[in-house]
Amino acid sequence: EEVVTRRTKYDLNKAEERAHILEGLLIALDNIDEV
């Protein structure tokens, strides 16, 4: 339980970081001329 919990927290943190960057890229692509 401890191993899977720590692994899941790590994976969640990495996924949220990547999703945050992708949200920025999608905003940029929606406003590409202004960017």
Full PDB file with SEQRES, HELIX, SHEET, SSBOND, CRYST1, ORIGX, SCALE, CONECT and MASTER records, all heavy atoms in Angstrom:
SEQRES   1 A   35  GLU GLU VAL VAL THR ARG ARG THR LYS TYR ASP LEU ASN          
SEQRES   2 A   35  LYS ALA GLU GLU ARG ALA HIS ILE LEU GLU GLY LEU LEU          
SEQRES   3 A   35  ILE ALA LEU ASP ASN ILE ASP GLU VAL                          
HELIX    1 AA1 GLU A    2  ASP A   30  1                                  29    
CRYST1    1.000    1.000    1.000  90.00  90.00  90.00 P 1           1          
ORIGX1      1.000000  0.000000  0.000000        0.00000                         
ORIGX2      0.000000  1.000000  0.000000        0.00000                         
ORIGX3      0.000000  0.000000  1.000000        0.00000                         
SCALE1      1.000000  0.000000  0.000000        0.00000                         
SCALE2      0.000000  1.000000  0.000000        0.00000                         
SCALE3      0.000000  0.000000  1.000000        0.00000                         
ATOM      1  N   GLU A   1       0.837  -1.209   0.000  1.00  0.00           N  
ATOM      2  CA  GLU A   1       0.000   0.000   0.000  1.00  0.00           C  
ATOM      3  C   GLU A   1       0.870   1.256   0.000  1.00  0.00           C  
ATOM      4  O   GLU A   1       0.601   2.208  -0.727  1.00  0.00           O  
ATOM      5  CB  GLU A   1      -0.910   0.002   1.240  1.00  0.00           C  
ATOM      6  CG  GLU A   1      -2.074  -0.991   1.153  1.00  0.00           C  
ATOM      7  CD  GLU A   1      -2.976  -0.888   2.375  1.00  0.00           C  
ATOM      8  OE1 GLU A   1      -3.482   0.218   2.655  1.00  0.00           O  
ATOM      9  OE2 GLU A   1      -3.179  -1.906   3.047  1.00  0.00           O  
ATOM     10  N   GLU A   2       1.917   1.238   0.813  1.00  0.00           N  
ATOM     11  CA  GLU A   2       2.813   2.401   0.889  1.00  0.00           C  
ATOM     12  C   GLU A   2       3.535   2.620  -0.438  1.00  0.00           C  
ATOM     13  O   GLU A   2       3.632   3.748  -0.928  1.00  0.00           O  
ATOM     14  CB  GLU A   2       3.829   2.184   2.020  1.00  0.00           C  
ATOM     15  CG  GLU A   2       4.723   3.395   2.249  1.00  0.00           C  
ATOM     16  CD  GLU A   2       5.760   3.154   3.330  1.00  0.00           C  
ATOM     17  OE1 GLU A   2       5.627   2.179   4.092  1.00  0.00           O  
ATOM     18  OE2 GLU A   2       6.706   3.955   3.407  1.00  0.00           O  
ATOM     19  N   VAL A   3       4.025   1.529  -1.034  1.00  0.00           N  
ATOM     20  CA  VAL A   3       4.744   1.627  -2.307  1.00  0.00           C  
ATOM     21  C   VAL A   3       3.843   2.182  -3.412  1.00  0.00           C  
ATOM     22  O   VAL A   3       4.208   3.110  -4.131  1.00  0.00           O  
ATOM     23  CB  VAL A   3       5.303   0.240  -2.718  1.00  0.00           C  
ATOM     24  CG1 VAL A   3       5.798   0.258  -4.160  1.00  0.00           C  
ATOM     25  CG2 VAL A   3       6.423  -0.181  -1.788  1.00  0.00           C  
ATOM     26  N   VAL A   4       2.639   1.601  -3.527  1.00  0.00           N  
ATOM     27  CA  VAL A   4       1.721   2.027  -4.597  1.00  0.00           C  
ATOM     28  C   VAL A   4       1.236   3.452  -4.349  1.00  0.00           C  
ATOM     29  O   VAL A   4       1.094   4.237  -5.298  1.00  0.00           O  
ATOM     30  CB  VAL A   4       0.530   1.044  -4.712  1.00  0.00           C  
ATOM     31  CG1 VAL A   4      -0.489   1.543  -5.725  1.00  0.00           C  
ATOM     32  CG2 VAL A   4       1.029  -0.343  -5.118  1.00  0.00           C  
ATOM     33  N   THR A   5       1.015   3.831  -3.084  1.00  0.00           N  
ATOM     34  CA  THR A   5       0.589   5.204  -2.767  1.00  0.00           C  
ATOM     35  C   THR A   5       1.663   6.207  -3.172  1.00  0.00           C  
ATOM     36  O   THR A   5       1.375   7.215  -3.833  1.00  0.00           O  
ATOM     37  CB  THR A   5       0.287   5.342  -1.256  1.00  0.00           C  
ATOM     38  OG1 THR A   5      -0.781   4.450  -0.930  1.00  0.00           O  
ATOM     39  CG2 THR A   5      -0.133   6.764  -0.912  1.00  0.00           C  
ATOM     40  N   ARG A   6       2.917   5.936  -2.793  1.00  0.00           N  
ATOM     41  CA  ARG A   6       4.010   6.856  -3.128  1.00  0.00           C  
ATOM     42  C   ARG A   6       4.227   6.935  -4.640  1.00  0.00           C  
ATOM     43  O   ARG A   6       4.458   8.009  -5.187  1.00  0.00           O  
ATOM     44  CB  ARG A   6       5.292   6.408  -2.424  1.00  0.00           C  
ATOM     45  CG  ARG A   6       5.239   6.625  -0.912  1.00  0.00           C  
ATOM     46  CD  ARG A   6       6.383   5.973  -0.183  1.00  0.00           C  
ATOM     47  NE  ARG A   6       7.663   6.549  -0.550  1.00  0.00           N  
ATOM     48  CZ  ARG A   6       8.834   6.159  -0.033  1.00  0.00           C  
ATOM     49  NH1 ARG A   6       8.847   5.186   0.863  1.00  0.00           N  
ATOM     50  NH2 ARG A   6       9.958   6.714  -0.404  1.00  0.00           N  
ATOM     51  N   ARG A   7       4.128   5.778  -5.287  1.00  0.00           N  
ATOM     52  CA  ARG A   7       4.281   5.775  -6.749  1.00  0.00           C  
ATOM     53  C   ARG A   7       3.169   6.564  -7.426  1.00  0.00           C  
ATOM     54  O   ARG A   7       3.411   7.323  -8.371  1.00  0.00           O  
ATOM     55  CB  ARG A   7       4.265   4.312  -7.241  1.00  0.00           C  
ATOM     56  CG  ARG A   7       4.534   4.170  -8.735  1.00  0.00           C  
ATOM     57  CD  ARG A   7       4.274   2.766  -9.180  1.00  0.00           C  
ATOM     58  NE  ARG A   7       2.846   2.458  -9.173  1.00  0.00           N  
ATOM     59  CZ  ARG A   7       2.358   1.230  -9.147  1.00  0.00           C  
ATOM     60  NH1 ARG A   7       3.168   0.188  -9.087  1.00  0.00           N  
ATOM     61  NH2 ARG A   7       1.054   1.030  -9.171  1.00  0.00           N  
ATOM     62  N   THR A   8       1.941   6.373  -6.925  1.00  0.00           N  
ATOM     63  CA  THR A   8       0.790   7.073  -7.517  1.00  0.00           C  
ATOM     64  C   THR A   8       0.907   8.584  -7.310  1.00  0.00           C  
ATOM     65  O   THR A   8       0.595   9.362  -8.213  1.00  0.00           O  
ATOM     66  CB  THR A   8      -0.526   6.545  -6.917  1.00  0.00           C  
ATOM     67  OG1 THR A   8      -0.571   5.116  -7.064  1.00  0.00           O  
ATOM     68  CG2 THR A   8      -1.728   7.154  -7.600  1.00  0.00           C  
ATOM     69  N   LYS A   9       1.363   8.992  -6.116  1.00  0.00           N  
ATOM     70  CA  LYS A   9       1.558  10.429  -5.865  1.00  0.00           C  
ATOM     71  C   LYS A   9       2.598  11.009  -6.815  1.00  0.00           C  
ATOM     72  O   LYS A   9       2.424  12.116  -7.338  1.00  0.00           O  
ATOM     73  CB  LYS A   9       2.000  10.646  -4.411  1.00  0.00           C  
ATOM     74  CG  LYS A   9       0.877  10.525  -3.396  1.00  0.00           C  
ATOM     75  CD  LYS A   9       1.393  10.752  -1.976  1.00  0.00           C  
ATOM     76  CE  LYS A   9       0.257  10.660  -0.959  1.00  0.00           C  
ATOM     77  NZ  LYS A   9       0.751  10.789   0.429  1.00  0.00           N  
ATOM     78  N   TYR A  10       3.676  10.270  -7.039  1.00  0.00           N  
ATOM     79  CA  TYR A  10       4.729  10.719  -7.953  1.00  0.00           C  
ATOM     80  C   TYR A  10       4.180  10.838  -9.377  1.00  0.00           C  
ATOM     81  O   TYR A  10       4.382  11.848 -10.059  1.00  0.00           O  
ATOM     82  CB  TYR A  10       5.897   9.739  -7.910  1.00  0.00           C  
ATOM     83  CG  TYR A  10       7.004  10.057  -8.892  1.00  0.00           C  
ATOM     84  CD1 TYR A  10       7.982  11.003  -8.584  1.00  0.00           C  
ATOM     85  CD2 TYR A  10       7.070   9.411 -10.128  1.00  0.00           C  
ATOM     86  CE1 TYR A  10       8.994  11.294  -9.483  1.00  0.00           C  
ATOM     87  CE2 TYR A  10       8.072   9.703 -11.032  1.00  0.00           C  
ATOM     88  CZ  TYR A  10       9.037  10.646 -10.704  1.00  0.00           C  
ATOM     89  OH  TYR A  10      10.029  10.958 -11.610  1.00  0.00           O  
ATOM     90  N   ASP A  11       3.458   9.780  -9.817  1.00  0.00           N  
ATOM     91  CA  ASP A  11       2.889   9.793 -11.175  1.00  0.00           C  
ATOM     92  C   ASP A  11       1.868  10.924 -11.328  1.00  0.00           C  
ATOM     93  O   ASP A  11       1.817  11.575 -12.383  1.00  0.00           O  
ATOM     94  CB  ASP A  11       2.214   8.450 -11.477  1.00  0.00           C  
ATOM     95  CG  ASP A  11       3.223   7.316 -11.636  1.00  0.00           C  
ATOM     96  OD1 ASP A  11       4.408   7.618 -11.849  1.00  0.00           O  
ATOM     97  OD2 ASP A  11       2.822   6.133 -11.538  1.00  0.00           O  
ATOM     98  N   LEU A  12       1.061  11.152 -10.290  1.00  0.00           N  
ATOM     99  CA  LEU A  12       0.069  12.229 -10.337  1.00  0.00           C  
ATOM    100  C   LEU A  12       0.755  13.586 -10.461  1.00  0.00           C  
ATOM    101  O   LEU A  12       0.329  14.439 -11.258  1.00  0.00           O  
ATOM    102  CB  LEU A  12      -0.801  12.186  -9.069  1.00  0.00           C  
ATOM    103  CG  LEU A  12      -1.827  13.311  -8.904  1.00  0.00           C  
ATOM    104  CD1 LEU A  12      -2.842  13.300 -10.044  1.00  0.00           C  
ATOM    105  CD2 LEU A  12      -2.544  13.209  -7.560  1.00  0.00           C  
ATOM    106  N   ASN A  13       1.813  13.788  -9.683  1.00  0.00           N  
ATOM    107  CA  ASN A  13       2.544  15.052  -9.727  1.00  0.00           C  
ATOM    108  C   ASN A  13       3.132  15.294 -11.108  1.00  0.00           C  
ATOM    109  O   ASN A  13       3.027  16.401 -11.662  1.00  0.00           O  
ATOM    110  CB  ASN A  13       3.657  15.012  -8.667  1.00  0.00           C  
ATOM    111  CG  ASN A  13       4.353  16.350  -8.523  1.00  0.00           C  
ATOM    112  OD1 ASN A  13       3.710  17.398  -8.495  1.00  0.00           O  
ATOM    113  ND2 ASN A  13       5.667  16.324  -8.426  1.00  0.00           N  
ATOM    114  N   LYS A  14       3.745  14.252 -11.696  1.00  0.00           N  
ATOM    115  CA  LYS A  14       4.323  14.389 -13.038  1.00  0.00           C  
ATOM    116  C   LYS A  14       3.243  14.645 -14.081  1.00  0.00           C  
ATOM    117  O   LYS A  14       3.414  15.461 -14.996  1.00  0.00           O  
ATOM    118  CB  LYS A  14       5.094  13.103 -13.399  1.00  0.00           C  
ATOM    119  CG  LYS A  14       6.405  12.946 -12.676  1.00  0.00           C  
ATOM    120  CD  LYS A  14       7.397  13.991 -13.154  1.00  0.00           C  
ATOM    121  CE  LYS A  14       8.732  13.871 -12.416  1.00  0.00           C  
ATOM    122  NZ  LYS A  14       9.637  14.974 -12.785  1.00  0.00           N  
ATOM    123  N   ALA A  15       2.113  13.943 -13.960  1.00  0.00           N  
ATOM    124  CA  ALA A  15       1.019  14.112 -14.929  1.00  0.00           C  
ATOM    125  C   ALA A  15       0.431  15.511 -14.839  1.00  0.00           C  
ATOM    126  O   ALA A  15       0.135  16.140 -15.869  1.00  0.00           O  
ATOM    127  CB  ALA A  15      -0.065  13.060 -14.670  1.00  0.00           C  
ATOM    128  N   GLU A  16       0.272  16.035 -13.614  1.00  0.00           N  
ATOM    129  CA  GLU A  16      -0.279  17.389 -13.439  1.00  0.00           C  
ATOM    130  C   GLU A  16       0.678  18.443 -13.990  1.00  0.00           C  
ATOM    131  O   GLU A  16       0.250  19.431 -14.592  1.00  0.00           O  
ATOM    132  CB  GLU A  16      -0.567  17.640 -11.956  1.00  0.00           C  
ATOM    133  CG  GLU A  16      -1.797  16.899 -11.461  1.00  0.00           C  
ATOM    134  CD  GLU A  16      -2.068  17.100  -9.978  1.00  0.00           C  
ATOM    135  OE1 GLU A  16      -1.119  17.442  -9.241  1.00  0.00           O  
ATOM    136  OE2 GLU A  16      -3.234  16.901  -9.557  1.00  0.00           O  
ATOM    137  N   GLU A  17       1.982  18.229 -13.787  1.00  0.00           N  
ATOM    138  CA  GLU A  17       2.976  19.162 -14.338  1.00  0.00           C  
ATOM    139  C   GLU A  17       2.908  19.188 -15.863  1.00  0.00           C  
ATOM    140  O   GLU A  17       2.924  20.257 -16.476  1.00  0.00           O  
ATOM    141  CB  GLU A  17       4.384  18.758 -13.888  1.00  0.00           C  
ATOM    142  CG  GLU A  17       4.686  19.069 -12.427  1.00  0.00           C  
ATOM    143  CD  GLU A  17       6.065  18.580 -12.019  1.00  0.00           C  
ATOM    144  OE1 GLU A  17       6.802  18.065 -12.894  1.00  0.00           O  
ATOM    145  OE2 GLU A  17       6.409  18.718 -10.828  1.00  0.00           O  
ATOM    146  N   ARG A  18       2.838  18.004 -16.472  1.00  0.00           N  
ATOM    147  CA  ARG A  18       2.778  17.938 -17.941  1.00  0.00           C  
ATOM    148  C   ARG A  18       1.460  18.514 -18.460  1.00  0.00           C  
ATOM    149  O   ARG A  18       1.443  19.237 -19.463  1.00  0.00           O  
ATOM    150  CB  ARG A  18       2.925  16.474 -18.381  1.00  0.00           C  
ATOM    151  CG  ARG A  18       2.872  16.251 -19.881  1.00  0.00           C  
ATOM    152  CD  ARG A  18       3.969  16.978 -20.604  1.00  0.00           C  
ATOM    153  NE  ARG A  18       3.890  16.781 -22.056  1.00  0.00           N  
ATOM    154  CZ  ARG A  18       4.493  17.556 -22.946  1.00  0.00           C  
ATOM    155  NH1 ARG A  18       5.220  18.599 -22.553  1.00  0.00           N  
ATOM    156  NH2 ARG A  18       4.378  17.319 -24.230  1.00  0.00           N  
ATOM    157  N   ALA A  19       0.342  18.207 -17.775  1.00  0.00           N  
ATOM    158  CA  ALA A  19      -0.969  18.733 -18.189  1.00  0.00           C  
ATOM    159  C   ALA A  19      -0.975  20.262 -18.113  1.00  0.00           C  
ATOM    160  O   ALA A  19      -1.559  20.939 -18.963  1.00  0.00           O  
ATOM    161  CB  ALA A  19      -2.068  18.150 -17.302  1.00  0.00           C  
ATOM    162  N   HIS A  20      -0.313  20.809 -17.102  1.00  0.00           N  
ATOM    163  CA  HIS A  20      -0.225  22.266 -16.933  1.00  0.00           C  
ATOM    164  C   HIS A  20       0.491  22.902 -18.132  1.00  0.00           C  
ATOM    165  O   HIS A  20       0.044  23.930 -18.669  1.00  0.00           O  
ATOM    166  CB  HIS A  20       0.525  22.566 -15.632  1.00  0.00           C  
ATOM    167  CG  HIS A  20       0.644  24.024 -15.328  1.00  0.00           C  
ATOM    168  ND1 HIS A  20      -0.439  24.827 -15.052  1.00  0.00           N  
ATOM    169  CD2 HIS A  20       1.745  24.835 -15.269  1.00  0.00           C  
ATOM    170  CE1 HIS A  20      -0.033  26.060 -14.829  1.00  0.00           C  
ATOM    171  NE2 HIS A  20       1.293  26.089 -14.958  1.00  0.00           N  
ATOM    172  N   ILE A  21       1.581  22.280 -18.561  1.00  0.00           N  
ATOM    173  CA  ILE A  21       2.319  22.784 -19.740  1.00  0.00           C  
ATOM    174  C   ILE A  21       1.469  22.684 -20.998  1.00  0.00           C  
ATOM    175  O   ILE A  21       1.408  23.618 -21.819  1.00  0.00           O  
ATOM    176  CB  ILE A  21       3.650  22.002 -19.900  1.00  0.00           C  
ATOM    177  CG1 ILE A  21       4.615  22.374 -18.766  1.00  0.00           C  
ATOM    178  CG2 ILE A  21       4.282  22.269 -21.261  1.00  0.00           C  
ATOM    179  CD1 ILE A  21       5.849  21.511 -18.686  1.00  0.00           C  
ATOM    180  N   LEU A  22       0.778  21.536 -21.157  1.00  0.00           N  
ATOM    181  CA  LEU A  22      -0.057  21.348 -22.352  1.00  0.00           C  
ATOM    182  C   LEU A  22      -1.202  22.357 -22.389  1.00  0.00           C  
ATOM    183  O   LEU A  22      -1.584  22.825 -23.476  1.00  0.00           O  
ATOM    184  CB  LEU A  22      -0.617  19.924 -22.392  1.00  0.00           C  
ATOM    185  CG  LEU A  22       0.406  18.793 -22.623  1.00  0.00           C  
ATOM    186  CD1 LEU A  22      -0.273  17.431 -22.576  1.00  0.00           C  
ATOM    187  CD2 LEU A  22       1.123  18.969 -23.970  1.00  0.00           C  
ATOM    188  N   GLU A  23      -1.746  22.712 -21.224  1.00  0.00           N  
ATOM    189  CA  GLU A  23      -2.795  23.749 -21.186  1.00  0.00           C  
ATOM    190  C   GLU A  23      -2.263  25.068 -21.732  1.00  0.00           C  
ATOM    191  O   GLU A  23      -2.959  25.772 -22.475  1.00  0.00           O  
ATOM    192  CB  GLU A  23      -3.291  23.924 -19.734  1.00  0.00           C  
ATOM    193  CG  GLU A  23      -4.205  22.798 -19.265  1.00  0.00           C  
ATOM    194  CD  GLU A  23      -4.465  22.855 -17.768  1.00  0.00           C  
ATOM    195  OE1 GLU A  23      -3.914  23.771 -17.101  1.00  0.00           O  
ATOM    196  OE2 GLU A  23      -5.204  21.997 -17.253  1.00  0.00           O  
ATOM    197  N   GLY A  24      -1.030  25.401 -21.364  1.00  0.00           N  
ATOM    198  CA  GLY A  24      -0.388  26.620 -21.877  1.00  0.00           C  
ATOM    199  C   GLY A  24      -0.190  26.563 -23.377  1.00  0.00           C  
ATOM    200  O   GLY A  24      -0.447  27.543 -24.090  1.00  0.00           O  
ATOM    201  N   LEU A  25       0.247  25.403 -23.880  1.00  0.00           N  
ATOM    202  CA  LEU A  25       0.469  25.245 -25.332  1.00  0.00           C  
ATOM    203  C   LEU A  25      -0.844  25.359 -26.104  1.00  0.00           C  
ATOM    204  O   LEU A  25      -0.897  25.946 -27.188  1.00  0.00           O  
ATOM    205  CB  LEU A  25       1.139  23.897 -25.623  1.00  0.00           C  
ATOM    206  CG  LEU A  25       2.578  23.710 -25.110  1.00  0.00           C  
ATOM    207  CD1 LEU A  25       3.084  22.318 -25.463  1.00  0.00           C  
ATOM    208  CD2 LEU A  25       3.514  24.766 -25.704  1.00  0.00           C  
ATOM    209  N   LEU A  26      -1.906  24.793 -25.538  1.00  0.00           N  
ATOM    210  CA  LEU A  26      -3.215  24.873 -26.208  1.00  0.00           C  
ATOM    211  C   LEU A  26      -3.717  26.320 -26.242  1.00  0.00           C  
ATOM    212  O   LEU A  26      -4.320  26.752 -27.238  1.00  0.00           O  
ATOM    213  CB  LEU A  26      -4.225  23.970 -25.497  1.00  0.00           C  
ATOM    214  CG  LEU A  26      -4.001  22.452 -25.687  1.00  0.00           C  
ATOM    215  CD1 LEU A  26      -4.904  21.648 -24.770  1.00  0.00           C  
ATOM    216  CD2 LEU A  26      -4.243  22.053 -27.143  1.00  0.00           C  
ATOM    217  N   ILE A  27      -3.473  27.073 -25.160  1.00  0.00           N  
ATOM    218  CA  ILE A  27      -3.834  28.502 -25.159  1.00  0.00           C  
ATOM    219  C   ILE A  27      -3.056  29.232 -26.242  1.00  0.00           C  
ATOM    220  O   ILE A  27      -3.606  30.064 -26.985  1.00  0.00           O  
ATOM    221  CB  ILE A  27      -3.547  29.125 -23.771  1.00  0.00           C  
ATOM    222  CG1 ILE A  27      -4.546  28.589 -22.740  1.00  0.00           C  
ATOM    223  CG2 ILE A  27      -3.618  30.654 -23.824  1.00  0.00           C  
ATOM    224  CD1 ILE A  27      -4.217  28.954 -21.303  1.00  0.00           C  
ATOM    225  N   ALA A  28      -1.763  28.883 -26.358  1.00  0.00           N  
ATOM    226  CA  ALA A  28      -0.922  29.533 -27.379  1.00  0.00           C  
ATOM    227  C   ALA A  28      -1.407  29.204 -28.783  1.00  0.00           C  
ATOM    228  O   ALA A  28      -1.451  30.076 -29.665  1.00  0.00           O  
ATOM    229  CB  ALA A  28       0.520  29.093 -27.203  1.00  0.00           C  
ATOM    230  N   LEU A  29      -1.788  27.945 -29.011  1.00  0.00           N  
ATOM    231  CA  LEU A  29      -2.247  27.539 -30.344  1.00  0.00           C  
ATOM    232  C   LEU A  29      -3.590  28.196 -30.692  1.00  0.00           C  
ATOM    233  O   LEU A  29      -3.872  28.475 -31.863  1.00  0.00           O  
ATOM    234  CB  LEU A  29      -2.373  26.019 -30.417  1.00  0.00           C  
ATOM    235  CG  LEU A  29      -1.030  25.251 -30.414  1.00  0.00           C  
ATOM    236  CD1 LEU A  29      -1.274  23.751 -30.300  1.00  0.00           C  
ATOM    237  CD2 LEU A  29      -0.226  25.554 -31.669  1.00  0.00           C  
ATOM    238  N   ASP A  30      -4.426  28.448 -29.666  1.00  0.00           N  
ATOM    239  CA  ASP A  30      -5.702  29.135 -29.907  1.00  0.00           C  
ATOM    240  C   ASP A  30      -5.493  30.609 -30.254  1.00  0.00           C  
ATOM    241  O   ASP A  30      -6.349  31.234 -30.888  1.00  0.00           O  
ATOM    242  CB  ASP A  30      -6.595  29.020 -28.659  1.00  0.00           C  
ATOM    243  CG  ASP A  30      -7.128  27.601 -28.478  1.00  0.00           C  
ATOM    244  OD1 ASP A  30      -7.146  26.848 -29.471  1.00  0.00           O  
ATOM    245  OD2 ASP A  30      -7.513  27.238 -27.339  1.00  0.00           O  
ATOM    246  N   ASN A  31      -4.357  31.159 -29.832  1.00  0.00           N  
ATOM    247  CA  ASN A  31      -4.056  32.580 -30.082  1.00  0.00           C  
ATOM    248  C   ASN A  31      -2.696  32.728 -30.752  1.00  0.00           C  
ATOM    249  O   ASN A  31      -1.871  33.574 -30.391  1.00  0.00           O  
ATOM    250  CB  ASN A  31      -4.060  33.356 -28.748  1.00  0.00           C  
ATOM    251  CG  ASN A  31      -5.364  33.230 -27.993  1.00  0.00           C  
ATOM    252  OD1 ASN A  31      -6.315  33.955 -28.243  1.00  0.00           O  
ATOM    253  ND2 ASN A  31      -5.417  32.266 -27.067  1.00  0.00           N  
ATOM    254  N   ILE A  32      -2.460  31.875 -31.737  1.00  0.00           N  
ATOM    255  CA  ILE A  32      -1.122  31.763 -32.298  1.00  0.00           C  
ATOM    256  C   ILE A  32      -0.625  33.054 -32.953  1.00  0.00           C  
ATOM    257  O   ILE A  32       0.552  33.409 -32.842  1.00  0.00           O  
ATOM    258  CB  ILE A  32      -1.060  30.573 -33.298  1.00  0.00           C  
ATOM    259  CG1 ILE A  32       0.393  30.251 -33.644  1.00  0.00           C  
ATOM    260  CG2 ILE A  32      -1.919  30.839 -34.521  1.00  0.00           C  
ATOM    261  CD1 ILE A  32       1.225  29.817 -32.467  1.00  0.00           C  
ATOM    262  N   ASP A  33      -1.508  33.785 -33.628  1.00  0.00           N  
ATOM    263  CA  ASP A  33      -1.071  35.014 -34.289  1.00  0.00           C  
ATOM    264  C   ASP A  33      -0.580  36.040 -33.277  1.00  0.00           C  
ATOM    265  O   ASP A  33       0.461  36.690 -33.474  1.00  0.00           O  
ATOM    266  CB  ASP A  33      -2.227  35.614 -35.114  1.00  0.00           C  
ATOM    267  CG  ASP A  33      -2.602  34.719 -36.294  1.00  0.00           C  
ATOM    268  OD1 ASP A  33      -1.714  33.944 -36.738  1.00  0.00           O  
ATOM    269  OD2 ASP A  33      -3.762  34.765 -36.744  1.00  0.00           O  
ATOM    270  N   GLU A  34      -1.319  36.204 -32.184  1.00  0.00           N  
ATOM    271  CA  GLU A  34      -0.944  37.161 -31.140  1.00  0.00           C  
ATOM    272  C   GLU A  34       0.355  36.726 -30.463  1.00  0.00           C  
ATOM    273  O   GLU A  34       1.217  37.556 -30.163  1.00  0.00           O  
ATOM    274  CB  GLU A  34      -2.074  37.263 -30.105  1.00  0.00           C  
ATOM    275  CG  GLU A  34      -1.835  38.285 -28.994  1.00  0.00           C  
ATOM    276  CD  GLU A  34      -1.806  39.718 -29.518  1.00  0.00           C  
ATOM    277  OE1 GLU A  34      -2.236  39.970 -30.669  1.00  0.00           O  
ATOM    278  OE2 GLU A  34      -1.346  40.585 -28.767  1.00  0.00           O  
ATOM    279  N   VAL A  35       0.522  35.424 -30.252  1.00  0.00           N  
ATOM    280  CA  VAL A  35       1.737  34.892 -29.612  1.00  0.00           C  
ATOM    281  C   VAL A  35       2.954  35.182 -30.482  1.00  0.00           C  
ATOM    282  O   VAL A  35       4.001  35.636 -29.996  1.00  0.00           O  
ATOM    283  CB  VAL A  35       1.592  33.376 -29.344  1.00  0.00           C  
ATOM    284  CG1 VAL A  35       2.923  32.756 -28.930  1.00  0.00           C  
ATOM    285  CG2 VAL A  35       0.547  33.118 -28.267  1.00  0.00           C  
TER     286      VAL A  35                                                      
MASTER        0    0    0    1    0    0    0    6  285    1    0    3          
END                                                                             
